[in-house]
Amino acid sequence: MKSQIEILKAVNPDIRIITELSTNKGSVSDMEKSFSMVAQYVDGVTVWQESVNDLSQVKRFLEWYNQNYRQ
């Protein structure tokens, strides 16, 4: 994945790379681990919730994200 991102950024240094997460499977901890694996390569994250019931999970992830990655 890193080499693909490097190629894209070489062609267009202003490109923004965004990763997506879903609440479909896993916990907030799983979301945190997944994002941490790609954080150094991406410029941001989009979170898709499966239902309104997942909004508390999204909120907890975003609080963690803001504390650890928001610039």
C-alpha atoms as a PDB file:
ATOM      1  CA  MET A   1       0.000   0.000   0.000  1.00  0.00           C
ATOM      2  CA  LYS A   2       2.768   2.443   0.861  1.00  0.00           C
ATOM      3  CA  SER A   3       4.247   2.252  -2.626  1.00  0.00           C
ATOM      4  CA  GLN A   4       0.849   2.959  -4.229  1.00  0.00           C
ATOM      5  CA  ILE A   5       0.410   6.047  -2.092  1.00  0.00           C
ATOM      6  CA  GLU A   6       3.946   7.194  -2.908  1.00  0.00           C
ATOM      7  CA  ILE A   7       3.172   6.832  -6.623  1.00  0.00           C
ATOM      8  CA  LEU A   8      -0.061   8.823  -6.293  1.00  0.00           C
ATOM      9  CA  LYS A   9       1.662  11.581  -4.313  1.00  0.00           C
ATOM     10  CA  ALA A  10       4.526  11.717  -6.816  1.00  0.00           C
ATOM     11  CA  VAL A  11       2.027  12.343  -9.611  1.00  0.00           C
ATOM     12  CA  ASN A  12      -0.020  14.787  -7.540  1.00  0.00           C
ATOM     13  CA  PRO A  13       1.625  16.064  -4.336  1.00  0.00           C
ATOM     14  CA  ASP A  14      -1.634  17.772  -3.324  1.00  0.00           C
ATOM     15  CA  ILE A  15      -3.722  14.575  -3.382  1.00  0.00           C
ATOM     16  CA  ARG A  16      -5.482  13.694  -0.142  1.00  0.00           C
ATOM     17  CA  ILE A  17      -5.633  10.027   0.848  1.00  0.00           C
ATOM     18  CA  ILE A  18      -8.604   9.085   3.040  1.00  0.00           C
ATOM     19  CA  THR A  19      -9.257   5.731   4.683  1.00  0.00           C
ATOM     20  CA  GLU A  20     -12.688   4.413   5.572  1.00  0.00           C
ATOM     21  CA  LEU A  21     -13.820   2.519   8.662  1.00  0.00           C
ATOM     22  CA  SER A  22     -17.135   0.875   9.412  1.00  0.00           C
ATOM     23  CA  THR A  23     -18.918  -0.091  12.597  1.00  0.00           C
ATOM     24  CA  ASN A  24     -20.193  -3.217  10.821  1.00  0.00           C
ATOM     25  CA  LYS A  25     -17.789  -5.605  12.532  1.00  0.00           C
ATOM     26  CA  GLY A  26     -15.618  -5.106  15.550  1.00  0.00           C
ATOM     27  CA  SER A  27     -15.284  -2.753  18.448  1.00  0.00           C
ATOM     28  CA  VAL A  28     -13.942   0.750  18.936  1.00  0.00           C
ATOM     29  CA  SER A  29     -10.626  -0.871  19.818  1.00  0.00           C
ATOM     30  CA  ASP A  30     -10.651  -2.672  16.457  1.00  0.00           C
ATOM     31  CA  MET A  31     -11.327   0.629  14.687  1.00  0.00           C
ATOM     32  CA  GLU A  32      -8.453   2.274  16.568  1.00  0.00           C
ATOM     33  CA  LYS A  33      -6.053  -0.543  15.666  1.00  0.00           C
ATOM     34  CA  SER A  34      -7.126  -0.496  12.019  1.00  0.00           C
ATOM     35  CA  PHE A  35      -6.633   3.247  11.711  1.00  0.00           C
ATOM     36  CA  SER A  36      -3.300   3.151  13.548  1.00  0.00           C
ATOM     37  CA  MET A  37      -1.991   0.707  10.932  1.00  0.00           C
ATOM     38  CA  VAL A  38      -2.491   3.239   8.115  1.00  0.00           C
ATOM     39  CA  ALA A  39      -2.335   6.579   9.942  1.00  0.00           C
ATOM     40  CA  GLN A  40       1.143   7.439   8.697  1.00  0.00           C
ATOM     41  CA  TYR A  41       0.030   7.037   5.066  1.00  0.00           C
ATOM     42  CA  VAL A  42      -3.326   8.831   5.038  1.00  0.00           C
ATOM     43  CA  ASP A  43      -4.611  12.353   5.500  1.00  0.00           C
ATOM     44  CA  GLY A  44      -7.891  11.522   7.203  1.00  0.00           C
ATOM     45  CA  VAL A  45     -10.662   9.045   7.906  1.00  0.00           C
ATOM     46  CA  THR A  46     -14.326   8.550   7.113  1.00  0.00           C
ATOM     47  CA  VAL A  47     -16.451   6.464   9.477  1.00  0.00           C
ATOM     48  CA  TRP A  48     -19.550   4.650   8.239  1.00  0.00           C
ATOM     49  CA  GLN A  49     -22.029   3.579  10.878  1.00  0.00           C
ATOM     50  CA  GLU A  50     -24.368   0.692  10.182  1.00  0.00           C
ATOM     51  CA  SER A  51     -27.252   2.131  12.209  1.00  0.00           C
ATOM     52  CA  VAL A  52     -28.190   4.901  14.601  1.00  0.00           C
ATOM     53  CA  ASN A  53     -27.334   2.472  17.397  1.00  0.00           C
ATOM     54  CA  ASP A  54     -23.677   2.706  16.360  1.00  0.00           C
ATOM     55  CA  LEU A  55     -23.369   6.453  16.893  1.00  0.00           C
ATOM     56  CA  SER A  56     -21.909   6.014  20.394  1.00  0.00           C
ATOM     57  CA  GLN A  57     -19.193   3.788  18.881  1.00  0.00           C
ATOM     58  CA  VAL A  58     -18.476   6.427  16.234  1.00  0.00           C
ATOM     59  CA  LYS A  59     -18.330   9.112  18.930  1.00  0.00           C
ATOM     60  CA  ARG A  60     -15.821   7.117  21.008  1.00  0.00           C
ATOM     61  CA  PHE A  61     -13.633   6.489  17.953  1.00  0.00           C
ATOM     62  CA  LEU A  62     -13.689  10.167  16.965  1.00  0.00           C
ATOM     63  CA  GLU A  63     -12.774  11.235  20.493  1.00  0.00           C
ATOM     64  CA  TRP A  64      -9.790   8.872  20.342  1.00  0.00           C
ATOM     65  CA  TYR A  65      -8.892  10.093  16.845  1.00  0.00           C
ATOM     66  CA  ASN A  66      -9.041  13.751  17.902  1.00  0.00           C
ATOM     67  CA  GLN A  67      -6.778  13.083  20.888  1.00  0.00           C
ATOM     68  CA  ASN A  68      -4.219  11.077  18.923  1.00  0.00           C
ATOM     69  CA  TYR A  69      -4.225  12.300  15.316  1.00  0.00           C
ATOM     70  CA  ARG A  70      -6.118  15.537  14.832  1.00  0.00           C
ATOM     71  CA  GLN A  71      -3.758  18.349  13.943  1.00  0.00           C
END
